[in-house]
Amino acid sequence: MDININGIFIGLATFLIIGLFHPIVVKAEYYWGVKCWWIFLITGIIGLGLSIIVDDIAISAILGVFSFSSFWTIKEVFEQRERVKKGWFPANPKKKR
């Protein structure tokens, strides 16, 4: 009997990718503000393209998760700006507001 661990692998990778993107959103908004959104757009497009051309289904799925997490991060960077304005996160004192 063969055991298929692809689901566990994809689930773990998804968990780690989403967990990694939270501090990235916070740091990106802190240092660059919302003007860094295009970096996440390009990263997402590259990840999407790679997910299409990769043959391995597990790697393709993980690249898809990474890609759409990058796209979601664009929205989150703008929402992070609002969270900073509300005082929920610290503002960068060196950045003009």
N, C-alpha and C. Protein backbone atom coordinates (compact mmCIF):
# COMPACT_ATOMS: atom_id res chain seq x y z
N MET A 1 0.84 -1.17 0.00
CA MET A 1 0.00 0.00 0.00
C MET A 1 0.89 1.24 0.00
N ASP A 2 0.66 2.10 -0.98
CA ASP A 2 1.40 3.36 -1.07
C ASP A 2 0.68 4.43 -0.26
N ILE A 3 1.46 5.21 0.43
CA ILE A 3 0.91 6.31 1.21
C ILE A 3 1.21 7.60 0.45
N ASN A 4 0.17 8.38 0.22
CA ASN A 4 0.32 9.64 -0.49
C ASN A 4 0.39 10.77 0.54
N ILE A 5 1.55 11.39 0.63
CA ILE A 5 1.72 12.47 1.61
C ILE A 5 1.67 13.85 0.95
N ASN A 6 1.30 13.90 -0.33
CA ASN A 6 1.24 15.20 -1.01
C ASN A 6 0.29 16.17 -0.32
N GLY A 7 -0.85 15.70 0.15
CA GLY A 7 -1.81 16.57 0.82
C GLY A 7 -1.22 17.19 2.09
N ILE A 8 -0.52 16.37 2.85
CA ILE A 8 0.12 16.87 4.07
C ILE A 8 1.21 17.88 3.72
N PHE A 9 2.00 17.56 2.70
CA PHE A 9 3.07 18.44 2.24
C PHE A 9 2.51 19.78 1.78
N ILE A 10 1.45 19.75 0.98
CA ILE A 10 0.83 20.99 0.48
C ILE A 10 0.21 21.77 1.64
N GLY A 11 -0.45 21.08 2.54
CA GLY A 11 -1.05 21.76 3.70
C GLY A 11 -0.01 22.43 4.58
N LEU A 12 1.08 21.74 4.85
CA LEU A 12 2.15 22.32 5.67
C LEU A 12 2.79 23.51 4.96
N ALA A 13 3.04 23.37 3.66
CA ALA A 13 3.62 24.48 2.91
C ALA A 13 2.69 25.69 2.90
N THR A 14 1.39 25.45 2.75
CA THR A 14 0.40 26.54 2.78
C THR A 14 0.42 27.25 4.12
N PHE A 15 0.44 26.47 5.18
CA PHE A 15 0.50 27.03 6.53
C PHE A 15 1.74 27.91 6.70
N LEU A 16 2.89 27.43 6.24
CA LEU A 16 4.13 28.19 6.38
C LEU A 16 4.15 29.43 5.50
N ILE A 17 3.62 29.32 4.29
CA ILE A 17 3.59 30.48 3.39
C ILE A 17 2.70 31.58 3.96
N ILE A 18 1.52 31.22 4.42
CA ILE A 18 0.61 32.22 5.00
C ILE A 18 1.23 32.82 6.25
N GLY A 19 1.84 31.98 7.07
CA GLY A 19 2.50 32.48 8.28
C GLY A 19 3.66 33.40 7.98
N LEU A 20 4.35 33.15 6.88
CA LEU A 20 5.49 33.98 6.49
C LEU A 20 5.04 35.34 5.96
N PHE A 21 3.92 35.36 5.27
CA PHE A 21 3.46 36.60 4.66
C PHE A 21 2.98 37.64 5.68
N HIS A 22 2.51 37.21 6.85
CA HIS A 22 2.05 38.20 7.84
C HIS A 22 3.16 39.15 8.27
N PRO A 23 4.31 38.66 8.73
CA PRO A 23 5.37 39.61 9.10
C PRO A 23 5.92 40.37 7.89
N ILE A 24 5.86 39.78 6.70
CA ILE A 24 6.31 40.49 5.50
C ILE A 24 5.43 41.71 5.25
N VAL A 25 4.11 41.55 5.42
CA VAL A 25 3.19 42.68 5.26
C VAL A 25 3.52 43.79 6.25
N VAL A 26 3.71 43.42 7.50
CA VAL A 26 3.99 44.40 8.54
C VAL A 26 5.29 45.15 8.25
N LYS A 27 6.34 44.42 7.92
CA LYS A 27 7.65 45.04 7.65
C LYS A 27 7.63 45.86 6.36
N ALA A 28 6.96 45.35 5.32
CA ALA A 28 6.91 46.08 4.05
C ALA A 28 6.20 47.43 4.23
N GLU A 29 5.08 47.43 4.93
CA GLU A 29 4.37 48.70 5.16
C GLU A 29 5.20 49.61 6.05
N TYR A 30 5.87 49.07 7.04
CA TYR A 30 6.67 49.88 7.96
C TYR A 30 7.79 50.60 7.22
N TYR A 31 8.51 49.88 6.37
CA TYR A 31 9.68 50.47 5.70
C TYR A 31 9.35 51.18 4.39
N TRP A 32 8.39 50.68 3.62
CA TRP A 32 8.13 51.24 2.29
C TRP A 32 6.75 51.80 2.11
N GLY A 33 5.85 51.57 3.03
CA GLY A 33 4.47 52.03 2.85
C GLY A 33 3.76 51.20 1.80
N VAL A 34 2.70 51.75 1.24
CA VAL A 34 1.91 50.99 0.26
C VAL A 34 2.54 51.00 -1.13
N LYS A 35 3.58 51.80 -1.32
CA LYS A 35 4.19 51.86 -2.65
C LYS A 35 4.93 50.58 -3.04
N CYS A 36 5.01 49.62 -2.12
CA CYS A 36 5.66 48.35 -2.43
C CYS A 36 4.69 47.32 -2.99
N TRP A 37 3.44 47.68 -3.22
CA TRP A 37 2.43 46.73 -3.68
C TRP A 37 2.83 46.05 -4.99
N TRP A 38 3.51 46.76 -5.86
CA TRP A 38 3.87 46.22 -7.17
C TRP A 38 4.87 45.06 -7.05
N ILE A 39 5.66 45.04 -5.99
CA ILE A 39 6.59 43.92 -5.77
C ILE A 39 5.79 42.64 -5.58
N PHE A 40 4.72 42.71 -4.82
CA PHE A 40 3.88 41.54 -4.59
C PHE A 40 3.12 41.14 -5.85
N LEU A 41 2.76 42.12 -6.67
CA LEU A 41 2.10 41.82 -7.94
C LEU A 41 3.05 41.03 -8.85
N ILE A 42 4.27 41.51 -9.00
CA ILE A 42 5.24 40.83 -9.85
C ILE A 42 5.57 39.45 -9.30
N THR A 43 5.76 39.35 -7.98
CA THR A 43 6.03 38.06 -7.35
C THR A 43 4.88 37.09 -7.60
N GLY A 44 3.66 37.57 -7.49
CA GLY A 44 2.50 36.73 -7.73
C GLY A 44 2.41 36.26 -9.17
N ILE A 45 2.69 37.16 -10.11
CA ILE A 45 2.64 36.79 -11.52
C ILE A 45 3.71 35.76 -11.84
N ILE A 46 4.90 35.95 -11.31
CA ILE A 46 5.98 34.97 -11.53
C ILE A 46 5.59 33.61 -10.94
N GLY A 47 5.08 33.63 -9.71
CA GLY A 47 4.64 32.37 -9.08
C GLY A 47 3.54 31.69 -9.86
N LEU A 48 2.61 32.48 -10.39
CA LEU A 48 1.52 31.93 -11.19
C LEU A 48 2.06 31.29 -12.47
N GLY A 49 2.97 31.98 -13.13
CA GLY A 49 3.57 31.43 -14.34
C GLY A 49 4.33 30.14 -14.07
N LEU A 50 5.09 30.12 -12.98
CA LEU A 50 5.82 28.91 -12.62
C LEU A 50 4.88 27.76 -12.27
N SER A 51 3.78 28.09 -11.61
CA SER A 51 2.84 27.02 -11.24
C SER A 51 2.20 26.38 -12.47
N ILE A 52 2.11 27.12 -13.55
CA ILE A 52 1.54 26.59 -14.78
C ILE A 52 2.53 25.67 -15.50
N ILE A 53 3.82 26.02 -15.46
CA ILE A 53 4.78 25.24 -16.25
C ILE A 53 5.43 24.08 -15.50
N VAL A 54 5.30 24.05 -14.17
CA VAL A 54 5.90 22.97 -13.38
C VAL A 54 5.05 21.71 -13.53
N ASP A 55 5.71 20.59 -13.76
CA ASP A 55 5.00 19.33 -13.97
C ASP A 55 4.52 18.67 -12.68
N ASP A 56 5.29 18.78 -11.62
CA ASP A 56 4.95 18.13 -10.35
C ASP A 56 3.73 18.81 -9.74
N ILE A 57 2.69 18.04 -9.46
CA ILE A 57 1.42 18.61 -8.98
C ILE A 57 1.57 19.26 -7.60
N ALA A 58 2.37 18.68 -6.72
CA ALA A 58 2.54 19.25 -5.37
C ALA A 58 3.28 20.58 -5.45
N ILE A 59 4.36 20.62 -6.22
CA ILE A 59 5.12 21.87 -6.36
C ILE A 59 4.27 22.92 -7.07
N SER A 60 3.51 22.52 -8.08
CA SER A 60 2.63 23.43 -8.79
C SER A 60 1.59 24.02 -7.83
N ALA A 61 1.02 23.19 -6.97
CA ALA A 61 0.03 23.66 -6.00
C ALA A 61 0.64 24.64 -5.01
N ILE A 62 1.84 24.34 -4.55
CA ILE A 62 2.51 25.22 -3.60
C ILE A 62 2.85 26.56 -4.26
N LEU A 63 3.28 26.52 -5.50
CA LEU A 63 3.53 27.77 -6.23
C LEU A 63 2.24 28.57 -6.41
N GLY A 64 1.13 27.87 -6.64
CA GLY A 64 -0.16 28.55 -6.73
C GLY A 64 -0.55 29.22 -5.42
N VAL A 65 -0.33 28.52 -4.32
CA VAL A 65 -0.61 29.10 -3.00
C VAL A 65 0.28 30.32 -2.77
N PHE A 66 1.56 30.20 -3.11
CA PHE A 66 2.49 31.32 -2.97
C PHE A 66 2.04 32.50 -3.82
N SER A 67 1.64 32.21 -5.06
CA SER A 67 1.22 33.24 -5.98
C SER A 67 0.02 34.01 -5.45
N PHE A 68 -1.01 33.29 -5.05
CA PHE A 68 -2.22 33.97 -4.59
C PHE A 68 -2.04 34.59 -3.21
N SER A 69 -1.11 34.09 -2.43
CA SER A 69 -0.76 34.76 -1.17
C SER A 69 -0.10 36.09 -1.47
N SER A 70 0.71 36.15 -2.52
CA SER A 70 1.32 37.41 -2.94
C SER A 70 0.25 38.40 -3.39
N PHE A 71 -0.72 37.92 -4.17
CA PHE A 71 -1.80 38.81 -4.60
C PHE A 71 -2.61 39.31 -3.40
N TRP A 72 -2.89 38.45 -2.45
CA TRP A 72 -3.64 38.83 -1.26
C TRP A 72 -2.86 39.86 -0.44
N THR A 73 -1.55 39.77 -0.47
CA THR A 73 -0.69 40.67 0.29
C THR A 73 -0.85 42.10 -0.20
N ILE A 74 -1.15 42.29 -1.46
CA ILE A 74 -1.38 43.65 -1.98
C ILE A 74 -2.50 44.31 -1.19
N LYS A 75 -3.60 43.59 -1.02
CA LYS A 75 -4.72 44.10 -0.22
C LYS A 75 -4.31 44.32 1.23
N GLU A 76 -3.55 43.39 1.77
CA GLU A 76 -3.16 43.47 3.17
C GLU A 76 -2.23 44.65 3.46
N VAL A 77 -1.37 45.02 2.51
CA VAL A 77 -0.48 46.17 2.71
C VAL A 77 -1.30 47.44 2.87
N PHE A 78 -2.35 47.58 2.05
CA PHE A 78 -3.21 48.76 2.17
C PHE A 78 -4.00 48.73 3.48
N GLU A 79 -4.43 47.55 3.89
CA GLU A 79 -5.13 47.44 5.17
C GLU A 79 -4.18 47.67 6.35
N GLN A 80 -2.92 47.28 6.17
CA GLN A 80 -1.93 47.51 7.23
C GLN A 80 -1.73 49.00 7.45
N ARG A 81 -1.77 49.77 6.37
CA ARG A 81 -1.66 51.23 6.51
C ARG A 81 -2.77 51.76 7.41
N GLU A 82 -3.97 51.22 7.23
CA GLU A 82 -5.10 51.65 8.07
C GLU A 82 -4.91 51.20 9.52
N ARG A 83 -4.37 50.01 9.72
CA ARG A 83 -4.12 49.53 11.09
C ARG A 83 -3.08 50.40 11.79
N VAL A 84 -2.10 50.87 11.03
CA VAL A 84 -1.09 51.78 11.60
C VAL A 84 -1.73 53.10 11.97
N LYS A 85 -2.60 53.62 11.10
CA LYS A 85 -3.30 54.88 11.38
C LYS A 85 -4.14 54.79 12.65
N LYS A 86 -4.71 53.61 12.90
CA LYS A 86 -5.53 53.40 14.11
C LYS A 86 -4.67 53.18 15.35
N GLY A 87 -3.36 53.04 15.16
CA GLY A 87 -2.47 52.84 16.30
C GLY A 87 -2.31 51.40 16.72
N TRP A 88 -2.78 50.47 15.92
CA TRP A 88 -2.68 49.05 16.26
C TRP A 88 -1.28 48.51 16.03
N PHE A 89 -0.54 49.16 15.12
CA PHE A 89 0.85 48.80 14.83
C PHE A 89 1.68 50.06 14.86
N PRO A 90 2.97 49.96 15.17
CA PRO A 90 3.80 51.17 15.24
C PRO A 90 4.07 51.75 13.85
N ALA A 91 4.10 53.06 13.80
CA ALA A 91 4.46 53.77 12.57
C ALA A 91 5.97 53.96 12.54
N ASN A 92 6.52 53.98 11.36
CA ASN A 92 7.95 54.24 11.20
C ASN A 92 8.18 55.73 11.39
N PRO A 93 8.93 56.13 12.42
CA PRO A 93 9.13 57.56 12.67
C PRO A 93 9.96 58.23 11.59
N LYS A 94 10.71 57.50 10.80
CA LYS A 94 11.54 58.08 9.74
C LYS A 94 10.77 58.30 8.46
N LYS A 95 9.55 57.79 8.39
CA LYS A 95 8.75 57.88 7.17
C LYS A 95 7.78 59.05 7.29
N LYS A 96 7.63 59.81 6.20
CA LYS A 96 6.66 60.90 6.19
C LYS A 96 5.27 60.32 6.13
N ARG A 97 4.37 60.85 6.93
CA ARG A 97 2.97 60.39 6.95
C ARG A 97 2.08 61.50 6.50
